[in-house]
Amino acid sequence: MPKVSVVIPAYNRRDYVQEAINSVLAQTYTEYEIVVVDDGSTDGAGEALAARYGHRLRFVWQENQGESVAWNSALEASDR
């Protein structure tokens, strides 16, 4: 089980999400998981993240329900 869960809710922020993920991956600490919840984006984030990061993160797509629901979905998807 990872000691840190990095949860990233997003809506049409593909480039910013990639910056956040790159920042996590650049750390020397490695006991983490990355969970991205896409709250109904239309910018192709899911495909871009799968192609670039593959198994290094957990990606969840949901219909647009707002930031609070996205945060809760990310927490539910984490291993914590």
N, C-alpha and C. Protein backbone atom coordinates (compact mmCIF):
# COMPACT_ATOMS: atom_id res chain seq x y z
N MET A 1 0.85 -1.18 0.00
CA MET A 1 0.00 0.00 0.00
C MET A 1 0.89 1.24 0.00
N PRO A 2 0.60 2.20 -0.88
CA PRO A 2 1.39 3.44 -0.90
C PRO A 2 1.16 4.26 0.36
N LYS A 3 2.18 5.01 0.74
CA LYS A 3 2.05 5.87 1.91
C LYS A 3 1.39 7.20 1.57
N VAL A 4 1.46 7.61 0.31
CA VAL A 4 0.90 8.88 -0.13
C VAL A 4 0.02 8.64 -1.35
N SER A 5 -1.17 9.21 -1.32
CA SER A 5 -2.05 9.18 -2.48
C SER A 5 -2.13 10.59 -3.04
N VAL A 6 -1.71 10.76 -4.28
CA VAL A 6 -1.81 12.04 -4.95
C VAL A 6 -3.08 11.99 -5.78
N VAL A 7 -4.07 12.77 -5.39
CA VAL A 7 -5.34 12.76 -6.10
C VAL A 7 -5.48 14.06 -6.89
N ILE A 8 -5.86 13.91 -8.16
CA ILE A 8 -5.94 15.06 -9.06
C ILE A 8 -7.29 15.05 -9.77
N PRO A 9 -8.23 15.87 -9.31
CA PRO A 9 -9.48 16.01 -10.06
C PRO A 9 -9.25 17.01 -11.20
N ALA A 10 -9.87 16.77 -12.34
CA ALA A 10 -9.62 17.66 -13.48
C ALA A 10 -10.85 17.76 -14.37
N TYR A 11 -10.97 18.91 -15.01
CA TYR A 11 -12.01 19.11 -16.02
C TYR A 11 -11.41 19.99 -17.12
N ASN A 12 -11.18 19.39 -18.28
CA ASN A 12 -10.60 20.09 -19.43
C ASN A 12 -9.29 20.81 -19.07
N ARG A 13 -8.41 20.10 -18.39
CA ARG A 13 -7.11 20.65 -17.99
C ARG A 13 -5.98 19.67 -18.31
N ARG A 14 -6.05 19.04 -19.50
CA ARG A 14 -5.09 18.00 -19.87
C ARG A 14 -3.63 18.43 -19.65
N ASP A 15 -3.26 19.61 -20.13
CA ASP A 15 -1.86 20.05 -20.02
C ASP A 15 -1.44 20.27 -18.57
N TYR A 16 -2.31 20.86 -17.78
CA TYR A 16 -1.99 21.11 -16.37
C TYR A 16 -1.89 19.80 -15.58
N VAL A 17 -2.74 18.86 -15.90
CA VAL A 17 -2.68 17.56 -15.23
C VAL A 17 -1.34 16.89 -15.53
N GLN A 18 -0.90 16.97 -16.77
CA GLN A 18 0.39 16.38 -17.13
C GLN A 18 1.54 17.06 -16.37
N GLU A 19 1.46 18.37 -16.20
CA GLU A 19 2.48 19.07 -15.41
C GLU A 19 2.49 18.57 -13.97
N ALA A 20 1.31 18.39 -13.39
CA ALA A 20 1.22 17.91 -12.02
C ALA A 20 1.78 16.49 -11.90
N ILE A 21 1.43 15.63 -12.84
CA ILE A 21 1.94 14.25 -12.83
C ILE A 21 3.45 14.24 -12.99
N ASN A 22 3.96 15.03 -13.91
CA ASN A 22 5.42 15.10 -14.11
C ASN A 22 6.13 15.54 -12.84
N SER A 23 5.52 16.46 -12.12
CA SER A 23 6.10 16.93 -10.86
C SER A 23 6.18 15.80 -9.84
N VAL A 24 5.12 14.99 -9.75
CA VAL A 24 5.13 13.86 -8.82
C VAL A 24 6.20 12.84 -9.24
N LEU A 25 6.25 12.53 -10.51
CA LEU A 25 7.20 11.53 -11.00
C LEU A 25 8.66 11.98 -10.85
N ALA A 26 8.88 13.28 -10.78
CA ALA A 26 10.24 13.81 -10.64
C ALA A 26 10.76 13.74 -9.21
N GLN A 27 9.91 13.42 -8.25
CA GLN A 27 10.32 13.36 -6.85
C GLN A 27 11.20 12.13 -6.59
N THR A 28 12.03 12.22 -5.57
CA THR A 28 12.85 11.07 -5.20
C THR A 28 12.07 10.09 -4.33
N TYR A 29 11.04 10.56 -3.65
CA TYR A 29 10.17 9.71 -2.85
C TYR A 29 9.32 8.87 -3.81
N THR A 30 9.21 7.59 -3.56
CA THR A 30 8.52 6.72 -4.52
C THR A 30 7.34 5.93 -3.95
N GLU A 31 7.02 6.11 -2.68
CA GLU A 31 5.91 5.35 -2.09
C GLU A 31 4.60 6.13 -2.24
N TYR A 32 4.16 6.27 -3.48
CA TYR A 32 2.95 7.03 -3.76
C TYR A 32 2.15 6.34 -4.86
N GLU A 33 0.92 6.77 -4.96
CA GLU A 33 0.07 6.42 -6.10
C GLU A 33 -0.49 7.73 -6.64
N ILE A 34 -0.79 7.74 -7.92
CA ILE A 34 -1.39 8.90 -8.56
C ILE A 34 -2.76 8.50 -9.07
N VAL A 35 -3.79 9.24 -8.63
CA VAL A 35 -5.16 8.98 -9.06
C VAL A 35 -5.68 10.25 -9.72
N VAL A 36 -6.06 10.15 -10.98
CA VAL A 36 -6.63 11.27 -11.71
C VAL A 36 -8.10 10.97 -11.97
N VAL A 37 -8.98 11.88 -11.58
CA VAL A 37 -10.40 11.76 -11.89
C VAL A 37 -10.75 12.85 -12.88
N ASP A 38 -11.15 12.43 -14.06
CA ASP A 38 -11.57 13.33 -15.12
C ASP A 38 -13.07 13.53 -14.97
N ASP A 39 -13.47 14.74 -14.68
CA ASP A 39 -14.88 15.05 -14.41
C ASP A 39 -15.61 15.43 -15.70
N GLY A 40 -15.59 14.52 -16.68
CA GLY A 40 -16.34 14.73 -17.91
C GLY A 40 -15.66 15.61 -18.94
N SER A 41 -14.35 15.65 -18.95
CA SER A 41 -13.63 16.49 -19.90
C SER A 41 -13.88 16.09 -21.34
N THR A 42 -13.69 17.06 -22.23
CA THR A 42 -13.81 16.82 -23.66
C THR A 42 -12.51 17.14 -24.39
N ASP A 43 -11.41 17.24 -23.65
CA ASP A 43 -10.14 17.63 -24.25
C ASP A 43 -9.20 16.46 -24.54
N GLY A 44 -9.71 15.23 -24.44
CA GLY A 44 -8.88 14.06 -24.75
C GLY A 44 -7.87 13.70 -23.69
N ALA A 45 -8.11 14.12 -22.47
CA ALA A 45 -7.16 13.87 -21.38
C ALA A 45 -6.92 12.39 -21.17
N GLY A 46 -7.97 11.60 -21.16
CA GLY A 46 -7.83 10.17 -20.90
C GLY A 46 -6.89 9.49 -21.87
N GLU A 47 -7.05 9.75 -23.13
CA GLU A 47 -6.20 9.15 -24.15
C GLU A 47 -4.75 9.64 -24.02
N ALA A 48 -4.60 10.94 -23.78
CA ALA A 48 -3.25 11.51 -23.66
C ALA A 48 -2.52 10.94 -22.44
N LEU A 49 -3.23 10.83 -21.32
CA LEU A 49 -2.59 10.32 -20.10
C LEU A 49 -2.27 8.84 -20.23
N ALA A 50 -3.16 8.06 -20.84
CA ALA A 50 -2.91 6.63 -21.03
C ALA A 50 -1.68 6.43 -21.92
N ALA A 51 -1.58 7.21 -22.97
CA ALA A 51 -0.46 7.07 -23.89
C ALA A 51 0.86 7.48 -23.24
N ARG A 52 0.83 8.50 -22.43
CA ARG A 52 2.07 9.03 -21.85
C ARG A 52 2.50 8.31 -20.57
N TYR A 53 1.53 7.92 -19.72
CA TYR A 53 1.88 7.40 -18.40
C TYR A 53 1.51 5.94 -18.17
N GLY A 54 0.59 5.43 -18.95
CA GLY A 54 0.21 4.03 -18.83
C GLY A 54 -0.15 3.60 -17.42
N HIS A 55 0.52 2.59 -16.93
CA HIS A 55 0.21 2.00 -15.62
C HIS A 55 0.73 2.80 -14.43
N ARG A 56 1.43 3.90 -14.67
CA ARG A 56 1.98 4.67 -13.54
C ARG A 56 0.93 5.50 -12.80
N LEU A 57 -0.31 5.50 -13.30
CA LEU A 57 -1.37 6.21 -12.60
C LEU A 57 -2.68 5.47 -12.77
N ARG A 58 -3.62 5.81 -11.92
CA ARG A 58 -4.98 5.28 -12.02
C ARG A 58 -5.84 6.41 -12.56
N PHE A 59 -6.54 6.14 -13.66
CA PHE A 59 -7.38 7.16 -14.30
C PHE A 59 -8.84 6.75 -14.20
N VAL A 60 -9.67 7.67 -13.74
CA VAL A 60 -11.11 7.44 -13.62
C VAL A 60 -11.82 8.54 -14.38
N TRP A 61 -12.73 8.15 -15.28
CA TRP A 61 -13.55 9.13 -15.99
C TRP A 61 -14.96 9.04 -15.44
N GLN A 62 -15.59 10.19 -15.25
CA GLN A 62 -16.98 10.22 -14.82
C GLN A 62 -17.69 11.35 -15.54
N GLU A 63 -19.01 11.24 -15.60
CA GLU A 63 -19.82 12.34 -16.13
C GLU A 63 -19.55 13.57 -15.27
N ASN A 64 -19.64 14.74 -15.87
CA ASN A 64 -19.39 15.98 -15.13
C ASN A 64 -20.37 16.11 -13.98
N GLN A 65 -19.80 16.17 -12.76
CA GLN A 65 -20.62 16.27 -11.55
C GLN A 65 -20.11 17.34 -10.60
N GLY A 66 -19.04 18.00 -10.96
CA GLY A 66 -18.50 19.05 -10.11
C GLY A 66 -17.27 18.62 -9.34
N GLU A 67 -16.55 19.63 -8.87
CA GLU A 67 -15.27 19.41 -8.20
C GLU A 67 -15.36 18.54 -6.95
N SER A 68 -16.36 18.77 -6.13
CA SER A 68 -16.48 18.00 -4.88
C SER A 68 -16.69 16.52 -5.15
N VAL A 69 -17.52 16.20 -6.10
CA VAL A 69 -17.77 14.81 -6.45
C VAL A 69 -16.50 14.19 -7.03
N ALA A 70 -15.77 14.96 -7.85
CA ALA A 70 -14.52 14.46 -8.43
C ALA A 70 -13.50 14.15 -7.33
N TRP A 71 -13.39 15.03 -6.35
CA TRP A 71 -12.49 14.77 -5.22
C TRP A 71 -12.88 13.49 -4.50
N ASN A 72 -14.16 13.35 -4.21
CA ASN A 72 -14.63 12.14 -3.52
C ASN A 72 -14.38 10.90 -4.34
N SER A 73 -14.59 10.97 -5.64
CA SER A 73 -14.33 9.83 -6.51
C SER A 73 -12.85 9.45 -6.50
N ALA A 74 -11.99 10.45 -6.49
CA ALA A 74 -10.54 10.19 -6.44
C ALA A 74 -10.17 9.51 -5.14
N LEU A 75 -10.73 9.97 -4.05
CA LEU A 75 -10.44 9.36 -2.75
C LEU A 75 -10.93 7.92 -2.69
N GLU A 76 -12.12 7.69 -3.25
CA GLU A 76 -12.65 6.32 -3.28
C GLU A 76 -11.81 5.39 -4.15
N ALA A 77 -11.20 5.92 -5.21
CA ALA A 77 -10.40 5.11 -6.12
C ALA A 77 -8.99 4.85 -5.59
N SER A 78 -8.59 5.61 -4.58
CA SER A 78 -7.23 5.44 -4.04
C SER A 78 -7.15 4.19 -3.17
N ASP A 79 -5.93 3.76 -2.92
CA ASP A 79 -5.69 2.58 -2.08
C ASP A 79 -5.71 2.90 -0.60
N ARG A 80 -5.92 4.12 -0.23
CA ARG A 80 -5.87 4.54 1.18
C ARG A 80 -7.07 4.12 1.94
